[in-house]
PDB file of N, CA and C in Angstrom:
ATOM      1  N   UNK A   1       0.514  -0.493   0.391  1.00  0.00           N
ATOM      2  CA  UNK A   1      -0.430  -0.127  -0.189  1.00  0.00           C
ATOM      3  C   UNK A   1       0.416   1.640   0.114  1.00  0.00           C
ATOM      4  N   UNK A   2       0.252   2.420  -0.848  1.00  0.00           N
ATOM      5  CA  UNK A   2       1.011   3.467  -0.859  1.00  0.00           C
ATOM      6  C   UNK A   2       1.228   4.512   0.102  1.00  0.00           C
ATOM      7  N   UNK A   3       1.984   5.282   0.229  1.00  0.00           N
ATOM      8  CA  UNK A   3       2.357   6.171   1.899  1.00  0.00           C
ATOM      9  C   UNK A   3       2.034   7.004   1.319  1.00  0.00           C
ATOM     10  N   UNK A   4       0.820   8.196   1.844  1.00  0.00           N
ATOM     11  CA  UNK A   4       0.227   9.473   1.070  1.00  0.00           C
ATOM     12  C   UNK A   4       1.259  10.283   1.846  1.00  0.00           C
ATOM     13  N   UNK A   5       1.625  11.262   1.326  1.00  0.00           N
ATOM     14  CA  UNK A   5       2.409  12.423   1.607  1.00  0.00           C
ATOM     15  C   UNK A   5       1.583  13.519   1.902  1.00  0.00           C
ATOM     16  N   UNK A   6       1.766  14.166   2.692  1.00  0.00           N
ATOM     17  CA  UNK A   6       0.703  14.688   3.456  1.00  0.00           C
ATOM     18  C   UNK A   6       1.247  16.510   2.771  1.00  0.00           C
ATOM     19  N   UNK A   7       0.557  16.852   2.769  1.00  0.00           N
ATOM     20  CA  UNK A   7      -0.015  18.464   2.202  1.00  0.00           C
ATOM     21  C   UNK A   7      -0.122  19.345   2.985  1.00  0.00           C
ATOM     22  N   UNK A   8       0.162  18.947   4.879  1.00  0.00           N
ATOM     23  CA  UNK A   8       0.518  19.927   5.691  1.00  0.00           C
ATOM     24  C   UNK A   8       1.075  21.103   5.331  1.00  0.00           C
ATOM     25  N   UNK A   9       1.401  22.072   5.520  1.00  0.00           N
ATOM     26  CA  UNK A   9       2.774  22.988   5.682  1.00  0.00           C
ATOM     27  C   UNK A   9       2.840  22.547   7.071  1.00  0.00           C
ATOM     28  N   UNK A  10       4.471  23.261   7.169  1.00  0.00           N
ATOM     29  CA  UNK A  10       5.253  23.055   8.613  1.00  0.00           C
ATOM     30  C   UNK A  10       6.247  24.344   8.782  1.00  0.00           C
ATOM     31  N   UNK A  11       6.633  23.899   9.919  1.00  0.00           N
ATOM     32  CA  UNK A  11       7.386  25.558  10.539  1.00  0.00           C
ATOM     33  C   UNK A  11       8.156  24.907  11.359  1.00  0.00           C
ATOM     34  N   UNK A  12       9.557  25.484  11.716  1.00  0.00           N
ATOM     35  CA  UNK A  12      10.249  25.203  12.726  1.00  0.00           C
ATOM     36  C   UNK A  12      10.561  26.986  13.147  1.00  0.00           C
ATOM     37  N   UNK A  13      10.250  26.421  14.630  1.00  0.00           N
ATOM     38  CA  UNK A  13      10.192  28.120  15.416  1.00  0.00           C
ATOM     39  C   UNK A  13      10.556  27.615  16.717  1.00  0.00           C
ATOM     40  N   UNK A  14      10.881  28.822  17.461  1.00  0.00           N
ATOM     41  CA  UNK A  14      11.608  28.500  18.866  1.00  0.00           C
ATOM     42  C   UNK A  14      10.229  28.895  19.774  1.00  0.00           C
ATOM     43  N   UNK A  15       9.495  28.069  20.775  1.00  0.00           N
ATOM     44  CA  UNK A  15       8.977  28.657  22.071  1.00  0.00           C
ATOM     45  C   UNK A  15       9.415  29.806  22.567  1.00  0.00           C
ATOM     46  N   UNK A  16       8.407  30.593  22.165  1.00  0.00           N
ATOM     47  CA  UNK A  16       8.655  31.791  22.797  1.00  0.00           C
ATOM     48  C   UNK A  16       7.595  31.741  24.631  1.00  0.00           C
ATOM     49  N   UNK A  17       6.669  31.546  24.870  1.00  0.00           N
ATOM     50  CA  UNK A  17       5.697  31.602  25.298  1.00  0.00           C
ATOM     51  C   UNK A  17       4.989  30.347  25.427  1.00  0.00           C
ATOM     52  N   UNK A  18       4.740  29.637  27.448  1.00  0.00           N
ATOM     53  CA  UNK A  18       4.143  28.676  27.593  1.00  0.00           C
ATOM     54  C   UNK A  18       3.142  29.075  28.948  1.00  0.00           C
ATOM     55  N   UNK A  19       2.489  30.025  28.970  1.00  0.00           N
ATOM     56  CA  UNK A  19       1.898  30.154  30.120  1.00  0.00           C
ATOM     57  C   UNK A  19       0.357  29.601  29.187  1.00  0.00           C
ATOM     58  N   UNK A  20      -0.160  29.350  29.094  1.00  0.00           N
ATOM     59  CA  UNK A  20      -1.528  29.160  28.373  1.00  0.00           C
ATOM     60  C   UNK A  20      -1.510  26.863  28.697  1.00  0.00           C
ATOM     61  N   UNK A  21      -2.793  26.718  28.720  1.00  0.00           N
ATOM     62  CA  UNK A  21      -2.429  25.458  29.138  1.00  0.00           C
ATOM     63  C   UNK A  21      -2.336  24.467  27.478  1.00  0.00           C
ATOM     64  N   UNK A  22      -2.307  23.847  27.106  1.00  0.00           N
ATOM     65  CA  UNK A  22      -2.013  23.525  26.620  1.00  0.00           C
ATOM     66  C   UNK A  22      -2.115  23.977  25.275  1.00  0.00           C
ATOM     67  N   UNK A  23      -1.340  25.296  25.038  1.00  0.00           N
ATOM     68  CA  UNK A  23      -1.080  25.900  24.342  1.00  0.00           C
ATOM     69  C   UNK A  23       0.507  26.453  24.561  1.00  0.00           C
ATOM     70  N   UNK A  24       0.957  26.638  23.465  1.00  0.00           N
ATOM     71  CA  UNK A  24       2.345  27.693  23.398  1.00  0.00           C
ATOM     72  C   UNK A  24       2.028  28.479  22.694  1.00  0.00           C
ATOM     73  N   UNK A  25       3.661  29.627  22.309  1.00  0.00           N
ATOM     74  CA  UNK A  25       3.168  30.622  21.076  1.00  0.00           C
ATOM     75  C   UNK A  25       4.463  30.462  21.101  1.00  0.00           C
ATOM     76  N   UNK A  26       4.751  30.232  19.364  1.00  0.00           N
ATOM     77  CA  UNK A  26       6.029  29.461  18.423  1.00  0.00           C
ATOM     78  C   UNK A  26       6.426  31.042  17.265  1.00  0.00           C
ATOM     79  N   UNK A  27       7.626  31.425  17.495  1.00  0.00           N
ATOM     80  CA  UNK A  27       8.037  32.534  16.707  1.00  0.00           C
ATOM     81  C   UNK A  27       8.989  31.804  15.729  1.00  0.00           C
ATOM     82  N   UNK A  28       8.581  32.320  14.614  1.00  0.00           N
ATOM     83  CA  UNK A  28       8.707  31.239  13.193  1.00  0.00           C
ATOM     84  C   UNK A  28       9.421  32.514  12.477  1.00  0.00           C
ATOM     85  N   UNK A  29      11.110  32.471  12.249  1.00  0.00           N
ATOM     86  CA  UNK A  29      11.937  33.425  11.371  1.00  0.00           C
ATOM     87  C   UNK A  29      12.234  33.442  10.304  1.00  0.00           C
ATOM     88  N   UNK A  30      12.288  34.075   9.032  1.00  0.00           N
ATOM     89  CA  UNK A  30      12.862  33.308   8.141  1.00  0.00           C
ATOM     90  C   UNK A  30      13.476  34.688   7.305  1.00  0.00           C
ATOM     91  N   UNK A  31      14.125  34.369   6.764  1.00  0.00           N
ATOM     92  CA  UNK A  31      14.722  36.001   5.976  1.00  0.00           C
ATOM     93  C   UNK A  31      14.326  35.691   4.041  1.00  0.00           C
ATOM     94  N   UNK A  32      14.318  36.518   3.804  1.00  0.00           N
ATOM     95  CA  UNK A  32      13.796  37.363   2.593  1.00  0.00           C
ATOM     96  C   UNK A  32      14.180  38.805   2.682  1.00  0.00           C
ATOM     97  N   UNK A  33      14.867  38.376   0.503  1.00  0.00           N
ATOM     98  CA  UNK A  33      15.480  39.686   0.360  1.00  0.00           C
ATOM     99  C   UNK A  33      15.190  40.477  -0.398  1.00  0.00           C
ATOM    100  N   UNK A  34      15.081  41.352   0.182  1.00  0.00           N
ATOM    101  CA  UNK A  34      14.303  43.335  -0.501  1.00  0.00           C
ATOM    102  C   UNK A  34      14.318  43.274  -2.070  1.00  0.00           C
ATOM    103  N   UNK A  35      13.308  43.435  -2.516  1.00  0.00           N
ATOM    104  CA  UNK A  35      13.037  43.467  -3.918  1.00  0.00           C
ATOM    105  C   UNK A  35      14.262  44.450  -5.015  1.00  0.00           C
ATOM    106  N   UNK A  36      14.365  45.658  -4.263  1.00  0.00           N
ATOM    107  CA  UNK A  36      14.659  46.928  -4.215  1.00  0.00           C
ATOM    108  C   UNK A  36      16.333  46.773  -4.488  1.00  0.00           C
ATOM    109  N   UNK A  37      17.170  46.670  -2.958  1.00  0.00           N
ATOM    110  CA  UNK A  37      17.996  46.378  -2.382  1.00  0.00           C
ATOM    111  C   UNK A  37      18.751  45.549  -2.150  1.00  0.00           C
ATOM    112  N   UNK A  38      18.249  44.095  -2.644  1.00  0.00           N
ATOM    113  CA  UNK A  38      18.688  42.752  -2.197  1.00  0.00           C
ATOM    114  C   UNK A  38      19.347  42.380  -1.247  1.00  0.00           C
ATOM    115  N   UNK A  39      19.220  43.574  -0.530  1.00  0.00           N
ATOM    116  CA  UNK A  39      19.275  43.371   1.179  1.00  0.00           C
ATOM    117  C   UNK A  39      18.365  42.238   1.551  1.00  0.00           C
ATOM    118  N   UNK A  40      19.137  41.478   2.481  1.00  0.00           N
ATOM    119  CA  UNK A  40      18.166  40.143   2.662  1.00  0.00           C
ATOM    120  C   UNK A  40      17.785  41.030   4.282  1.00  0.00           C
ATOM    121  N   UNK A  41      16.453  40.476   4.649  1.00  0.00           N
ATOM    122  CA  UNK A  41      15.726  41.113   5.286  1.00  0.00           C
ATOM    123  C   UNK A  41      14.944  39.843   6.529  1.00  0.00           C
ATOM    124  N   UNK A  42      14.680  39.510   7.735  1.00  0.00           N
ATOM    125  CA  UNK A  42      14.451  38.760   8.672  1.00  0.00           C
ATOM    126  C   UNK A  42      13.352  39.578   9.006  1.00  0.00           C
ATOM    127  N   UNK A  43      12.589  38.368   8.870  1.00  0.00           N
ATOM    128  CA  UNK A  43      10.874  38.469   9.372  1.00  0.00           C
ATOM    129  C   UNK A  43      10.406  37.670  10.121  1.00  0.00           C
ATOM    130  N   UNK A  44       9.664  37.876  11.400  1.00  0.00           N
ATOM    131  CA  UNK A  44       9.087  37.385  11.946  1.00  0.00           C
ATOM    132  C   UNK A  44       7.779  37.039  12.012  1.00  0.00           C
ATOM    133  N   UNK A  45       6.985  35.722  12.255  1.00  0.00           N
ATOM    134  CA  UNK A  45       5.606  35.430  12.658  1.00  0.00           C
ATOM    135  C   UNK A  45       5.766  34.526  13.625  1.00  0.00           C
ATOM    136  N   UNK A  46       4.566  34.653  14.498  1.00  0.00           N
ATOM    137  CA  UNK A  46       4.071  34.443  15.626  1.00  0.00           C
ATOM    138  C   UNK A  46       3.100  33.621  15.467  1.00  0.00           C
ATOM    139  N   UNK A  47       2.800  32.027  15.827  1.00  0.00           N
ATOM    140  CA  UNK A  47       2.201  31.340  15.737  1.00  0.00           C
ATOM    141  C   UNK A  47       1.575  30.348  16.910  1.00  0.00           C
ATOM    142  N   UNK A  48      -0.314  30.446  17.346  1.00  0.00           N
ATOM    143  CA  UNK A  48      -0.462  29.597  18.333  1.00  0.00           C
ATOM    144  C   UNK A  48      -0.694  28.090  18.023  1.00  0.00           C
ATOM    145  N   UNK A  49      -0.042  27.196  18.757  1.00  0.00           N
ATOM    146  CA  UNK A  49       0.200  26.108  18.684  1.00  0.00           C
ATOM    147  C   UNK A  49       0.167  25.059  19.667  1.00  0.00           C
ATOM    148  N   UNK A  50      -0.811  23.786  19.472  1.00  0.00           N
ATOM    149  CA  UNK A  50      -1.334  23.252  20.703  1.00  0.00           C
ATOM    150  C   UNK A  50      -0.197  22.069  20.958  1.00  0.00           C
ATOM    151  N   UNK A  51      -0.244  22.229  22.091  1.00  0.00           N
ATOM    152  CA  UNK A  51       0.257  21.155  22.834  1.00  0.00           C
ATOM    153  C   UNK A  51       0.235  20.868  23.775  1.00  0.00           C
ATOM    154  N   UNK A  52      -0.950  19.316  23.839  1.00  0.00           N
ATOM    155  CA  UNK A  52      -1.425  18.434  23.935  1.00  0.00           C
ATOM    156  C   UNK A  52      -0.371  17.689  25.622  1.00  0.00           C
ATOM    157  N   UNK A  53       0.704  17.538  25.495  1.00  0.00           N
ATOM    158  CA  UNK A  53       0.973  16.944  26.725  1.00  0.00           C
ATOM    159  C   UNK A  53       2.119  18.231  27.708  1.00  0.00           C
ATOM    160  N   UNK A  54       1.341  19.607  27.611  1.00  0.00           N
ATOM    161  CA  UNK A  54       2.395  20.319  28.133  1.00  0.00           C
ATOM    162  C   UNK A  54       4.065  20.698  28.291  1.00  0.00           C
ATOM    163  N   UNK A  55       4.286  20.086  27.166  1.00  0.00           N
ATOM    164  CA  UNK A  55       6.218  19.507  26.843  1.00  0.00           C
ATOM    165  C   UNK A  55       6.689  20.300  26.540  1.00  0.00           C
ATOM    166  N   UNK A  56       6.491  21.780  26.601  1.00  0.00           N
ATOM    167  CA  UNK A  56       7.316  22.707  25.685  1.00  0.00           C
ATOM    168  C   UNK A  56       7.557  23.484  27.175  1.00  0.00           C
ATOM    169  N   UNK A  57       8.711  24.000  26.796  1.00  0.00           N
ATOM    170  CA  UNK A  57       9.333  25.373  27.591  1.00  0.00           C
ATOM    171  C   UNK A  57       9.441  25.955  26.667  1.00  0.00           C
ATOM    172  N   UNK A  58      10.273  27.359  27.436  1.00  0.00           N
ATOM    173  CA  UNK A  58      11.020  28.994  26.414  1.00  0.00           C
ATOM    174  C   UNK A  58      11.660  28.699  25.915  1.00  0.00           C
ATOM    175  N   UNK A  59      11.864  28.670  24.735  1.00  0.00           N
ATOM    176  CA  UNK A  59      13.514  28.187  23.776  1.00  0.00           C
ATOM    177  C   UNK A  59      13.308  27.383  23.730  1.00  0.00           C
ATOM    178  N   UNK A  60      11.908  26.598  23.501  1.00  0.00           N
ATOM    179  CA  UNK A  60      12.705  25.341  22.722  1.00  0.00           C
ATOM    180  C   UNK A  60      12.241  25.464  21.454  1.00  0.00           C
ATOM    181  N   UNK A  61      13.285  24.635  20.229  1.00  0.00           N
ATOM    182  CA  UNK A  61      13.044  24.798  18.986  1.00  0.00           C
ATOM    183  C   UNK A  61      11.773  23.204  18.877  1.00  0.00           C
ATOM    184  N   UNK A  62      11.080  23.706  18.287  1.00  0.00           N
ATOM    185  CA  UNK A  62      10.074  22.934  17.821  1.00  0.00           C
ATOM    186  C   UNK A  62       9.930  22.756  16.530  1.00  0.00           C
ATOM    187  N   UNK A  63       8.833  21.398  15.945  1.00  0.00           N
ATOM    188  CA  UNK A  63       8.462  21.640  14.624  1.00  0.00           C
ATOM    189  C   UNK A  63       7.032  21.993  15.074  1.00  0.00           C
ATOM    190  N   UNK A  64       6.474  22.440  14.033  1.00  0.00           N
ATOM    191  CA  UNK A  64       4.724  22.297  14.430  1.00  0.00           C
ATOM    192  C   UNK A  64       3.882  22.405  12.721  1.00  0.00           C
ATOM    193  N   UNK A  65       2.728  21.836  12.662  1.00  0.00           N
ATOM    194  CA  UNK A  65       2.260  21.489  11.306  1.00  0.00           C
ATOM    195  C   UNK A  65       1.079  22.336  11.696  1.00  0.00           C
ATOM    196  N   UNK A  66       0.299  22.342  10.436  1.00  0.00           N
ATOM    197  CA  UNK A  66      -0.886  22.979  10.280  1.00  0.00           C
ATOM    198  C   UNK A  66      -1.720  22.038  10.481  1.00  0.00           C
ATOM    199  N   UNK A  67      -2.988  23.087  11.070  1.00  0.00           N
ATOM    200  CA  UNK A  67      -4.123  21.309  11.789  1.00  0.00           C
ATOM    201  C   UNK A  67      -5.497  21.959  11.691  1.00  0.00           C
ATOM    202  N   UNK A  68      -6.634  21.652  11.894  1.00  0.00           N
ATOM    203  CA  UNK A  68      -7.697  21.878  11.545  1.00  0.00           C
ATOM    204  C   UNK A  68      -8.052  23.373  12.954  1.00  0.00           C
ATOM    205  N   UNK A  69      -9.129  24.045  12.775  1.00  0.00           N
ATOM    206  CA  UNK A  69      -9.214  25.062  13.802  1.00  0.00           C
ATOM    207  C   UNK A  69      -9.346  24.516  15.027  1.00  0.00           C
ATOM    208  N   UNK A  70      -8.259  24.745  16.134  1.00  0.00           N
ATOM    209  CA  UNK A  70      -8.391  23.861  17.276  1.00  0.00           C
ATOM    210  C   UNK A  70      -9.174  24.826  18.602  1.00  0.00           C
ATOM    211  N   UNK A  71      -8.424  26.092  18.261  1.00  0.00           N
ATOM    212  CA  UNK A  71      -9.911  27.090  18.740  1.00  0.00           C
ATOM    213  C   UNK A  71      -9.747  28.302  17.675  1.00  0.00           C
ATOM    214  N   UNK A  72     -10.101  29.750  18.503  1.00  0.00           N
ATOM    215  CA  UNK A  72     -10.272  30.963  17.706  1.00  0.00           C
ATOM    216  C   UNK A  72      -9.153  31.041  17.159  1.00  0.00           C
ATOM    217  N   UNK A  73      -8.043  31.222  18.193  1.00  0.00           N
ATOM    218  CA  UNK A  73      -6.528  31.962  16.724  1.00  0.00           C
ATOM    219  C   UNK A  73      -5.615  30.486  16.918  1.00  0.00           C
ATOM    220  N   UNK A  74      -5.741  29.258  17.282  1.00  0.00           N
ATOM    221  CA  UNK A  74      -4.949  28.505  17.641  1.00  0.00           C
ATOM    222  C   UNK A  74      -4.959  26.953  16.464  1.00  0.00           C
ATOM    223  N   UNK A  75      -4.269  27.153  15.384  1.00  0.00           N
ATOM    224  CA  UNK A  75      -4.573  26.679  13.784  1.00  0.00           C
ATOM    225  C   UNK A  75      -3.181  25.603  13.887  1.00  0.00           C
ATOM    226  N   UNK A  76      -1.921  25.352  14.407  1.00  0.00           N
ATOM    227  CA  UNK A  76      -1.230  24.829  14.393  1.00  0.00           C
ATOM    228  C   UNK A  76      -1.143  23.534  15.652  1.00  0.00           C
ATOM    229  N   UNK A  77       0.120  22.609  15.343  1.00  0.00           N
ATOM    230  CA  UNK A  77       0.003  21.199  15.953  1.00  0.00           C
ATOM    231  C   UNK A  77       1.449  21.052  16.410  1.00  0.00           C
ATOM    232  N   UNK A  78       1.920  21.107  17.637  1.00  0.00           N
ATOM    233  CA  UNK A  78       3.510  21.124  17.925  1.00  0.00           C
ATOM    234  C   UNK A  78       3.161  19.089  17.801  1.00  0.00           C
ATOM    235  N   UNK A  79       4.399  19.155  16.304  1.00  0.00           N
ATOM    236  CA  UNK A  79       4.842  17.064  16.308  1.00  0.00           C
ATOM    237  C   UNK A  79       5.787  16.767  17.026  1.00  0.00           C
ATOM    238  N   UNK A  80       6.586  17.657  17.068  1.00  0.00           N
ATOM    239  CA  UNK A  80       7.876  17.436  17.872  1.00  0.00           C
ATOM    240  C   UNK A  80       9.053  17.989  18.489  1.00  0.00           C
ATOM    241  N   UNK A  81       9.753  18.303  19.088  1.00  0.00           N
ATOM    242  CA  UNK A  81      10.169  19.039  20.026  1.00  0.00           C
ATOM    243  C   UNK A  81      11.694  18.978  19.574  1.00  0.00           C
ATOM    244  N   UNK A  82      12.540  19.441  18.853  1.00  0.00           N
ATOM    245  CA  UNK A  82      13.977  19.209  17.651  1.00  0.00           C
ATOM    246  C   UNK A  82      15.356  19.662  18.814  1.00  0.00           C
ATOM    247  N   UNK A  83      14.882  20.594  19.701  1.00  0.00           N
ATOM    248  CA  UNK A  83      15.697  21.328  21.050  1.00  0.00           C
ATOM    249  C   UNK A  83      15.040  21.668  22.114  1.00  0.00           C
ATOM    250  N   UNK A  84      15.902  21.306  22.781  1.00  0.00           N
ATOM    251  CA  UNK A  84      15.348  21.564  24.248  1.00  0.00           C
ATOM    252  C   UNK A  84      15.782  22.579  25.277  1.00  0.00           C
ATOM    253  N   UNK A  85      15.990  24.104  25.202  1.00  0.00           N
ATOM    254  CA  UNK A  85      15.895  24.711  25.983  1.00  0.00           C
ATOM    255  C   UNK A  85      17.179  24.300  26.935  1.00  0.00           C
ATOM    256  N   UNK A  86      19.012  24.776  26.679  1.00  0.00           N
ATOM    257  CA  UNK A  86      19.807  25.190  27.298  1.00  0.00           C
ATOM    258  C   UNK A  86      19.445  25.953  28.673  1.00  0.00           C
ATOM    259  N   UNK A  87      19.378  25.795  30.052  1.00  0.00           N
ATOM    260  CA  UNK A  87      18.998  26.697  30.856  1.00  0.00           C
ATOM    261  C   UNK A  87      19.967  26.418  32.011  1.00  0.00           C
TER     262      UNK A  87
END
């Protein structure tokens, strides 16, 4: 049987807040090139992601995946913790 490839978007980001229950705020940073000056500019987006086990802490690097709407602003799911924060 063929394995279906997921069409859901994934992002890698850093956990900025874990104060909510089963929710983390993840900041995703990317570099884009300015059209006029050709300089690379850093862009940031924050996403609220569902963390059912409350396993993420501030500073962790996580992989998040697009999902169905879980709440008013939560549309992402924490798939795995790639790197724990060194505190």
